[in-house]
């Protein structure tokens, strides 16, 4: 049995319907040059694409991905 990849499991959240939500990147610094629209969009969680979802099955064997 494979072990769960802990760093991945801490960065994503699987919703009740099976969607994989993750934080938007690029929030650390250099945000003053971004438009206010971009800054607001970075605050929301985004849904992970199906291509990335297929790769997660190997990293999270015990989760419903």
Protein backbone atom coordinates (compact mmCIF):
# COMPACT_ATOMS: atom_id res chain seq x y z
CA UNK A 1 0.00 0.00 0.00
CA UNK A 2 1.30 3.43 -0.94
CA UNK A 3 1.65 6.23 1.56
CA UNK A 4 -0.09 9.57 1.23
CA UNK A 5 2.12 12.41 -0.04
CA UNK A 6 1.73 14.74 2.94
CA UNK A 7 2.83 18.00 1.31
CA UNK A 8 0.23 17.55 -1.43
CA UNK A 9 -2.51 16.59 1.00
CA UNK A 10 -1.90 19.79 2.98
CA UNK A 11 -2.12 22.02 -0.12
CA UNK A 12 -5.38 20.76 -1.58
CA UNK A 13 -8.91 20.16 -0.38
CA UNK A 14 -11.33 17.64 -1.87
CA UNK A 15 -14.91 18.85 -1.79
CA UNK A 16 -17.99 16.75 -1.16
CA UNK A 17 -18.66 16.38 -4.90
CA UNK A 18 -15.06 15.41 -5.66
CA UNK A 19 -13.69 18.73 -6.91
CA UNK A 20 -10.08 19.45 -5.99
CA UNK A 21 -9.57 22.99 -4.74
CA UNK A 22 -6.18 24.67 -4.34
CA UNK A 23 -4.84 28.09 -3.47
CA UNK A 24 -3.83 30.42 -6.29
CA UNK A 25 -0.09 30.94 -6.58
CA UNK A 26 1.91 34.16 -6.48
CA UNK A 27 0.57 35.64 -3.25
CA UNK A 28 3.81 36.01 -1.35
CA UNK A 29 5.29 39.34 -2.46
CA UNK A 30 5.53 41.75 -5.44
CA UNK A 31 1.76 42.15 -5.34
CA UNK A 32 1.69 45.94 -5.48
CA UNK A 33 2.18 45.89 -9.26
CA UNK A 34 -0.83 43.61 -9.78
CA UNK A 35 -4.19 45.07 -10.67
CA UNK A 36 -6.86 45.01 -7.98
CA UNK A 37 -8.82 42.48 -10.03
CA UNK A 38 -5.87 40.10 -10.07
CA UNK A 39 -5.30 40.53 -6.34
CA UNK A 40 -8.93 39.73 -5.55
CA UNK A 41 -8.86 36.66 -7.79
CA UNK A 42 -5.76 35.33 -6.03
CA UNK A 43 -7.61 35.31 -2.70
CA UNK A 44 -10.08 32.69 -3.92
CA UNK A 45 -9.43 28.98 -4.14
CA UNK A 46 -9.30 27.63 -7.68
CA UNK A 47 -10.39 24.29 -9.05
CA UNK A 48 -7.61 21.98 -10.18
CA UNK A 49 -7.64 20.87 -13.81
CA UNK A 50 -8.45 17.31 -14.85
CA UNK A 51 -4.90 16.79 -16.12
CA UNK A 52 -3.45 17.59 -12.69
CA UNK A 53 -6.19 15.53 -11.06
CA UNK A 54 -5.00 12.39 -12.87
CA UNK A 55 -1.49 12.88 -11.49
CA UNK A 56 -2.81 13.19 -7.93
CA UNK A 57 -4.24 9.68 -7.88
CA UNK A 58 -0.73 8.28 -7.36
CA UNK A 59 0.13 10.82 -4.64
CA UNK A 60 -3.11 10.45 -2.70
CA UNK A 61 -4.06 6.76 -2.76
CA UNK A 62 -6.38 6.95 0.28
CA UNK A 63 -8.40 9.97 -0.88
CA UNK A 64 -11.40 10.18 -3.15
CA UNK A 65 -9.73 12.02 -6.05
